[in-house]
């Protein structure tokens, strides 16, 4: 079968160039990862300017220093640089972002350490890094006038009453009353009952009252009343003017770029349907004749794939064979496909067709040999946009 080709626009050509560069790094880092025991889980922060200290977190780190690996496909001079990382434990290391001449693009790149797997890292545009800091805070307003003197405090409470003077002496006892007359003696007879006791004599008159005691000394002076309340504080002076707000940074692009490739050589056989080979829809994988064994599940929502890019690394044997490539959904080839002649080209692209990807479906890259002989490809890279 023959796949249709479409002309490339300026914008698509730029994105395909960026995608091709990132695919090159994916091959490098994928090969390095197989030989390194280091595993990188994350970096923090996930974006920054040259000189920003970045913390690498993962496992199997060793030694005191290592090589941090940086890739910025938007850089105008060098897209790959390395810097020295300081290893503080088996799971943590730090390194500074090197200098990239990155003036445009979304800054989406990768970072790795000591040939580990790579994780996404965004390189802030150099012009954004060089912009001035926000304006200084305005001066503090003048201090308000001093408040008026507080009102006079209330008069203190009356002092405690002085102690009572001593009690005057007791007056003299009055004279005793006269004794009653003695009754006549009764005839002696038999002893009668005891007679009743005579009434008591009247109480003598009360003696005159003694003189009054001296007046006690006056009480001590009462305590001073509490101080009056402080006067009202003067009004606060007006706030200084707010400094100017810094300019808003550029808005990043939102297209999602998917990349993948083969692990080792891929051999294609002529013969049409039933001889296809499949690779996983993203990441590195081994070719398989069964799409269900390599298909990668899509997102939870439906999406669309476009702008397919395929590159053969190394020299295919034999040359002069017509090959076809396309995006397959659940094993079915879509309209997003391209073809190339190994005798004249190592790449092919498709910018006109699209592939609808339902939510939860499996995506893979399908490969055909439309020539007359079997052909072996040393290594294959591919990529497409999804969104």
Protein backbone atom coordinates (compact mmCIF):
# COMPACT_ATOMS: atom_id res chain seq x y z
CA UNK A 1 0.00 0.00 0.00
CA UNK A 2 1.06 3.63 -0.60
CA UNK A 3 0.45 6.41 2.01
CA UNK A 4 -0.46 9.99 1.05
CA UNK A 5 2.04 12.82 1.72
CA UNK A 6 1.13 16.46 2.55
CA UNK A 7 3.07 19.73 2.39
CA UNK A 8 4.36 21.14 5.67
CA UNK A 9 3.54 24.66 6.92
CA UNK A 10 6.06 26.85 8.69
CA UNK A 11 4.53 26.25 12.11
CA UNK A 12 4.33 22.46 11.67
CA UNK A 13 7.92 22.34 10.33
CA UNK A 14 9.14 24.12 13.47
CA UNK A 15 7.33 21.73 15.74
CA UNK A 16 8.55 18.69 13.82
CA UNK A 17 12.13 19.96 14.11
CA UNK A 18 11.67 20.34 17.87
CA UNK A 19 10.05 16.89 18.06
CA UNK A 20 12.91 15.32 16.08
CA UNK A 21 15.48 16.84 18.47
CA UNK A 22 13.65 15.49 21.51
CA UNK A 23 13.40 12.07 19.86
CA UNK A 24 17.18 12.09 19.46
CA UNK A 25 17.63 12.70 23.17
CA UNK A 26 15.08 9.97 23.96
CA UNK A 27 17.32 7.46 22.14
CA UNK A 28 20.40 8.68 24.03
CA UNK A 29 18.71 8.62 27.44
CA UNK A 30 16.92 5.35 26.73
CA UNK A 31 20.25 3.64 25.90
CA UNK A 32 21.95 5.21 28.93
CA UNK A 33 19.15 4.13 31.26
CA UNK A 34 19.67 0.49 30.36
CA UNK A 35 23.32 0.73 31.52
CA UNK A 36 22.73 2.79 34.70
CA UNK A 37 21.40 1.60 38.04
CA UNK A 38 20.31 5.15 38.93
CA UNK A 39 16.55 5.78 38.83
CA UNK A 40 15.14 9.33 38.79
CA UNK A 41 11.63 9.83 40.25
CA UNK A 42 11.25 13.63 40.13
CA UNK A 43 12.97 17.05 40.12
CA UNK A 44 12.06 20.13 42.19
CA UNK A 45 11.38 22.75 41.05
CA UNK A 46 10.18 21.50 37.63
CA UNK A 47 11.17 24.74 35.88
CA UNK A 48 13.76 27.50 36.29
CA UNK A 49 16.34 29.95 34.92
CA UNK A 50 20.12 29.34 34.51
CA UNK A 51 21.68 29.08 37.98
CA UNK A 52 18.50 27.73 39.67
CA UNK A 53 19.33 24.92 42.12
CA UNK A 54 17.31 21.78 41.30
CA UNK A 55 16.85 18.80 43.65
CA UNK A 56 16.93 15.32 42.01
CA UNK A 57 14.95 12.63 43.91
CA UNK A 58 15.14 8.93 43.07
CA UNK A 59 16.91 5.71 44.09
CA UNK A 60 20.30 3.92 43.81
CA UNK A 61 22.27 7.23 43.92
CA UNK A 62 25.92 6.73 44.95
CA UNK A 63 29.21 8.62 45.38
CA UNK A 64 29.70 12.28 46.35
CA UNK A 65 29.28 13.88 42.89
CA UNK A 66 27.58 12.92 39.63
CA UNK A 67 26.80 14.38 36.20
CA UNK A 68 23.46 16.15 35.77
CA UNK A 69 22.21 15.99 32.15
CA UNK A 70 20.03 18.79 30.70
CA UNK A 71 18.23 19.02 27.34
CA UNK A 72 16.50 22.18 26.08
CA UNK A 73 15.25 21.72 22.46
CA UNK A 74 14.34 25.45 22.25
CA UNK A 75 17.95 26.62 22.81
CA UNK A 76 19.46 28.50 19.85
CA UNK A 77 23.07 27.28 20.32
CA UNK A 78 23.41 24.04 22.29
CA UNK A 79 20.42 21.85 23.12
CA UNK A 80 22.30 19.45 25.45
CA UNK A 81 24.55 20.37 28.40
CA UNK A 82 25.80 18.75 31.60
CA UNK A 83 26.73 20.07 35.03
CA UNK A 84 28.18 18.68 38.26
CA UNK A 85 25.64 17.40 40.80
CA UNK A 86 26.31 17.02 44.54
CA UNK A 87 25.02 13.70 45.92
CA UNK A 88 23.79 14.02 49.53
CA UNK A 89 22.23 10.53 49.94
CA UNK A 90 21.18 7.44 48.03
CA UNK A 91 17.93 9.18 47.06
CA UNK A 92 18.84 12.89 46.76
CA UNK A 93 21.23 15.12 44.79
CA UNK A 94 21.34 18.80 43.75
CA UNK A 95 22.67 20.66 40.68
CA UNK A 96 22.32 24.09 39.05
CA UNK A 97 20.58 24.65 35.70
CA UNK A 98 23.27 25.48 33.06
CA UNK A 99 23.06 28.39 30.59
CA UNK A 100 20.87 27.87 27.51
CA UNK A 101 20.22 30.60 24.89
CA UNK A 102 16.45 29.98 24.99
CA UNK A 103 14.53 32.97 23.55
CA UNK A 104 11.29 31.44 22.21
CA UNK A 105 9.18 28.28 22.36
CA UNK A 106 7.55 26.71 25.39
CA UNK A 107 10.86 25.63 27.02
CA UNK A 108 9.68 22.02 27.41
CA UNK A 109 12.72 19.75 27.86
CA UNK A 110 14.18 16.93 29.94
CA UNK A 111 16.58 16.37 32.85
CA UNK A 112 18.46 13.26 34.04
CA UNK A 113 21.36 12.34 36.36
CA UNK A 114 24.25 9.93 35.82
CA UNK A 115 22.59 8.30 32.74
CA UNK A 116 19.29 7.68 34.59
CA UNK A 117 15.85 7.85 33.03
CA UNK A 118 14.77 11.40 32.06
CA UNK A 119 11.89 13.44 33.53
CA UNK A 120 10.24 16.62 32.14
CA UNK A 121 11.80 20.02 32.99
CA UNK A 122 10.76 23.45 31.64
CA UNK A 123 13.57 25.93 30.85
CA UNK A 124 12.40 29.50 31.49
CA UNK A 125 13.01 31.85 28.53
CA UNK A 126 16.22 33.87 28.98
CA UNK A 127 14.42 37.20 28.40
CA UNK A 128 12.01 36.35 31.22
CA UNK A 129 14.93 35.51 33.53
CA UNK A 130 16.60 38.86 32.76
CA UNK A 131 13.54 41.08 33.41
CA UNK A 132 13.73 43.53 36.30
CA UNK A 133 12.30 42.77 39.73
CA UNK A 134 8.89 44.25 40.74
CA UNK A 135 8.84 47.96 41.77
CA UNK A 136 9.78 48.89 45.35
CA UNK A 137 7.07 49.40 47.94
CA UNK A 138 6.05 53.05 48.41
CA UNK A 139 7.33 55.03 51.41
CA UNK A 140 5.41 54.85 54.69
CA UNK A 141 3.01 57.76 55.31
CA UNK A 142 3.82 60.46 57.90
CA UNK A 143 2.97 59.79 61.56
CA UNK A 144 -0.32 61.32 62.73
CA UNK A 145 -0.44 64.21 65.29
CA UNK A 146 -0.25 63.39 68.99
CA UNK A 147 -3.66 62.86 70.62
CA UNK A 148 -5.17 65.34 73.16
CA UNK A 149 -4.49 65.03 76.86
CA UNK A 150 -6.84 62.60 78.59
CA UNK A 151 -9.63 63.86 80.95
CA UNK A 152 -8.88 64.34 84.68
CA UNK A 153 -9.31 61.18 86.74
CA UNK A 154 -12.27 60.80 89.14
CA UNK A 155 -11.86 61.88 92.84
CA UNK A 156 -10.54 59.07 95.06
CA UNK A 157 -12.91 57.26 97.46
CA UNK A 158 -13.31 58.55 101.10
CA UNK A 159 -10.64 57.31 103.52
CA UNK A 160 -11.39 54.54 106.05
CA UNK A 161 -13.18 55.71 109.27
CA UNK A 162 -10.86 56.00 112.33
CA UNK A 163 -10.99 53.40 115.13
CA UNK A 164 -13.59 53.84 117.96
CA UNK A 165 -12.18 55.41 121.18
CA UNK A 166 -11.90 53.30 124.38
CA UNK A 167 -15.02 52.66 126.51
CA UNK A 168 -15.47 54.97 129.54
CA UNK A 169 -15.07 53.60 133.13
CA UNK A 170 -18.03 51.84 134.78
CA UNK A 171 -20.06 54.01 137.16
CA UNK A 172 -20.11 53.29 140.96
CA UNK A 173 -22.52 50.68 142.32
CA UNK A 174 -25.68 52.09 143.94
CA UNK A 175 -26.54 51.60 147.64
CA UNK A 176 -28.27 48.40 148.72
CA UNK A 177 -31.97 48.59 149.56
CA UNK A 178 -33.27 48.31 153.21
CA UNK A 179 -33.79 44.83 154.63
CA UNK A 180 -37.36 43.73 155.22
CA UNK A 181 -38.72 43.36 158.87
CA UNK A 182 -38.39 40.03 160.53
CA UNK A 183 -41.69 38.18 160.92
CA UNK A 184 -43.00 37.13 164.42
CA UNK A 185 -41.94 33.73 165.63
CA UNK A 186 -44.66 31.09 165.43
CA UNK A 187 -45.65 28.90 168.28
CA UNK A 188 -43.55 25.92 168.61
CA UNK A 189 -45.46 22.97 167.63
CA UNK A 190 -44.83 20.08 165.54
CA UNK A 191 -42.49 20.76 162.87
CA UNK A 192 -44.55 22.10 160.08
CA UNK A 193 -43.64 22.34 156.46
CA UNK A 194 -41.03 24.79 155.53
CA UNK A 195 -42.51 28.17 154.99
CA UNK A 196 -42.37 29.95 151.65
CA UNK A 197 -39.37 32.11 150.94
CA UNK A 198 -40.10 35.74 151.42
CA UNK A 199 -39.99 38.08 148.39
CA UNK A 200 -36.68 39.69 147.44
CA UNK A 201 -36.10 43.21 148.45
CA UNK A 202 -36.45 45.97 145.84
CA UNK A 203 -33.37 46.80 143.68
CA UNK A 204 -31.44 49.86 144.68
CA UNK A 205 -31.33 52.90 142.35
CA UNK A 206 -28.76 52.93 139.44
CA UNK A 207 -25.63 54.87 140.07
CA UNK A 208 -24.81 57.95 137.97
CA UNK A 209 -23.09 57.39 134.50
CA UNK A 210 -19.31 57.82 134.26
CA UNK A 211 -17.80 60.56 132.03
CA UNK A 212 -17.65 59.95 128.22
CA UNK A 213 -14.37 58.53 126.73
CA UNK A 214 -12.05 60.78 124.68
CA UNK A 215 -12.72 61.08 120.87
CA UNK A 216 -10.54 58.77 118.69
CA UNK A 217 -7.92 60.23 116.30
CA UNK A 218 -8.97 61.04 112.72
CA UNK A 219 -8.62 58.36 109.96
CA UNK A 220 -5.73 58.46 107.41
CA UNK A 221 -6.15 60.30 104.10
CA UNK A 222 -7.82 58.28 101.30
CA UNK A 223 -5.73 56.83 98.38
CA UNK A 224 -5.20 58.93 95.22
CA UNK A 225 -7.73 58.29 92.45
CA UNK A 226 -6.74 56.29 89.30
CA UNK A 227 -5.09 58.11 86.35
CA UNK A 228 -7.47 59.19 83.63
CA UNK A 229 -7.63 57.30 80.26
CA UNK A 230 -5.09 58.09 77.51
CA UNK A 231 -6.28 60.42 74.84
CA UNK A 232 -7.34 59.09 71.38
CA UNK A 233 -4.43 58.24 69.02
CA UNK A 234 -4.08 60.52 66.04
CA UNK A 235 -5.21 59.21 62.59
CA UNK A 236 -2.68 57.12 60.58
CA UNK A 237 -1.06 58.93 57.69
CA UNK A 238 -1.93 57.80 54.10
CA UNK A 239 -0.15 54.67 52.72
CA UNK A 240 2.61 55.16 50.16
CA UNK A 241 1.82 54.38 46.50
CA UNK A 242 2.15 50.72 45.41
CA UNK A 243 5.06 49.93 43.07
CA UNK A 244 4.30 49.00 39.44
CA UNK A 245 3.45 45.33 38.71
CA UNK A 246 6.04 43.39 36.68
CA UNK A 247 5.13 42.28 33.16
CA UNK A 248 3.27 38.97 32.71
CA UNK A 249 5.41 36.11 31.37
CA UNK A 250 4.63 34.40 28.02
CA UNK A 251 1.73 31.94 27.85
CA UNK A 252 3.02 28.37 27.18
CA UNK A 253 1.61 26.27 24.34
CA UNK A 254 -0.74 23.49 25.34
CA UNK A 255 -0.13 20.86 22.60
CA UNK A 256 0.93 17.45 23.95
CA UNK A 257 3.83 15.75 22.15
CA UNK A 258 4.06 11.93 22.28
CA UNK A 259 7.36 10.21 21.49
CA UNK A 260 8.42 6.58 21.07
CA UNK A 261 10.86 4.23 19.40
CA UNK A 262 12.10 0.67 19.01
CA UNK A 263 14.46 -1.22 21.32
CA UNK A 264 16.93 -2.81 18.89
CA UNK A 265 16.42 -3.71 15.23
CA UNK A 266 13.04 -4.20 13.49
CA UNK A 267 12.65 -6.60 10.54
CA UNK A 268 9.72 -6.07 8.15
CA UNK A 269 8.46 -8.65 5.62
CA UNK A 270 6.54 -8.01 2.37
CA UNK A 271 3.17 -9.58 1.81
CA UNK A 272 0.48 -7.11 2.79
CA UNK A 273 -2.07 -7.70 5.56
CA UNK A 274 -0.90 -10.04 8.32
CA UNK A 275 2.82 -9.13 8.00
CA UNK A 276 2.61 -5.83 9.92
CA UNK A 277 4.84 -5.07 12.94
CA UNK A 278 3.68 -2.88 15.85
CA UNK A 279 5.50 -0.66 18.40
CA UNK A 280 4.03 0.83 21.63
CA UNK A 281 2.26 4.15 21.01
CA UNK A 282 4.75 5.96 23.34
CA UNK A 283 8.10 5.15 24.97
CA UNK A 284 10.61 2.50 23.86
CA UNK A 285 9.40 -1.04 23.02
CA UNK A 286 10.24 -4.21 21.07
CA UNK A 287 8.37 -4.76 17.80
CA UNK A 288 5.50 -7.31 17.84
CA UNK A 289 3.12 -8.71 15.24
CA UNK A 290 0.29 -8.47 17.83
CA UNK A 291 -0.85 -4.88 18.48
CA UNK A 292 -2.60 -5.89 21.72
CA UNK A 293 0.74 -6.79 23.35
CA UNK A 294 2.31 -3.34 22.82
CA UNK A 295 -0.66 -0.92 22.63
CA UNK A 296 -0.54 1.95 25.16
CA UNK A 297 -3.82 3.02 26.80
CA UNK A 298 -4.97 6.55 25.94
CA UNK A 299 -6.33 9.16 28.39
CA UNK A 300 -9.73 8.95 30.09
CA UNK A 301 -11.17 11.40 27.54
CA UNK A 302 -11.34 11.18 23.75
CA UNK A 303 -8.56 12.99 21.83
CA UNK A 304 -7.06 13.42 18.34
CA UNK A 305 -3.54 12.59 17.06
CA UNK A 306 -1.86 14.61 14.25
CA UNK A 307 1.55 15.57 12.74
CA UNK A 308 3.18 12.11 12.52
CA UNK A 309 7.01 12.03 12.28
CA UNK A 310 9.11 8.87 11.63
CA UNK A 311 12.94 8.54 11.39
CA UNK A 312 15.17 5.50 10.68
CA UNK A 313 18.49 5.55 12.57
CA UNK A 314 21.40 3.81 10.85
CA UNK A 315 21.43 2.18 7.39
CA UNK A 316 18.53 -0.18 6.55
CA UNK A 317 19.33 -3.40 4.66
CA UNK A 318 18.70 -3.71 1.84
CA UNK A 319 18.12 -0.15 0.60
CA UNK A 320 15.58 0.85 -2.02
CA UNK A 321 12.56 -0.61 -0.22
CA UNK A 322 9.19 1.15 0.06
CA UNK A 323 8.01 1.24 3.72
CA UNK A 324 4.83 2.55 5.32
CA UNK A 325 4.11 3.77 8.88
CA UNK A 326 0.90 4.85 10.64
CA UNK A 327 -0.92 5.34 13.94
CA UNK A 328 -3.15 2.38 14.86
CA UNK A 329 -6.04 2.52 17.39
CA UNK A 330 -6.95 -0.86 18.91
CA UNK A 331 -4.96 -2.51 16.07
CA UNK A 332 -6.78 -0.64 13.24
CA UNK A 333 -4.72 1.64 10.93
CA UNK A 334 -5.96 5.28 10.84
CA UNK A 335 -5.58 8.07 8.26
CA UNK A 336 -2.52 9.43 10.12
CA UNK A 337 0.24 7.65 8.12
CA UNK A 338 3.24 8.26 5.84
CA UNK A 339 5.67 6.26 3.63
CA UNK A 340 9.33 6.49 2.54
CA UNK A 341 11.83 4.88 0.14
CA UNK A 342 14.90 3.65 2.06
CA UNK A 343 17.06 4.37 -0.97
CA UNK A 344 16.43 8.13 -0.87
CA UNK A 345 15.15 9.10 2.57
CA UNK A 346 15.35 8.16 6.25
CA UNK A 347 12.30 10.18 7.39
CA UNK A 348 8.65 10.66 6.53
CA UNK A 349 5.92 12.92 7.91
CA UNK A 350 2.13 13.33 7.71
CA UNK A 351 0.66 16.72 8.63
CA UNK A 352 -2.73 16.52 6.93
CA UNK A 353 -4.32 13.36 8.27
CA UNK A 354 -5.59 12.82 11.81
CA UNK A 355 -6.46 9.87 14.04
CA UNK A 356 -9.45 9.94 16.40
CA UNK A 357 -8.57 8.19 19.68
CA UNK A 358 -11.62 7.22 21.81
CA UNK A 359 -11.27 7.35 25.60
CA UNK A 360 -9.48 4.29 27.02
CA UNK A 361 -8.43 2.82 23.62
CA UNK A 362 -4.96 1.31 22.93
CA UNK A 363 -2.58 3.27 20.61
CA UNK A 364 0.38 1.77 18.66
CA UNK A 365 2.60 2.49 15.61
CA UNK A 366 2.06 0.08 12.70
CA UNK A 367 4.85 -0.64 10.12
CA UNK A 368 4.46 -2.15 6.58
CA UNK A 369 6.95 -3.45 3.99
CA UNK A 370 5.45 -2.50 0.59
CA UNK A 371 8.59 -3.61 -1.28
CA UNK A 372 9.57 -7.00 -2.64
CA UNK A 373 12.18 -7.99 -0.05
CA UNK A 374 12.38 -8.18 3.73
CA UNK A 375 14.18 -5.17 5.23
CA UNK A 376 15.92 -4.71 8.61
CA UNK A 377 15.86 -1.29 10.30
CA UNK A 378 18.72 -0.83 12.87
CA UNK A 379 16.61 1.50 15.02
CA UNK A 380 13.36 3.46 14.59
CA UNK A 381 12.08 6.68 16.21
CA UNK A 382 8.65 8.28 15.86
CA UNK A 383 6.47 11.01 17.37
CA UNK A 384 3.12 12.74 16.97
CA UNK A 385 1.02 15.46 18.61
CA UNK A 386 -2.03 14.59 20.69
CA UNK A 387 -4.68 17.01 21.94
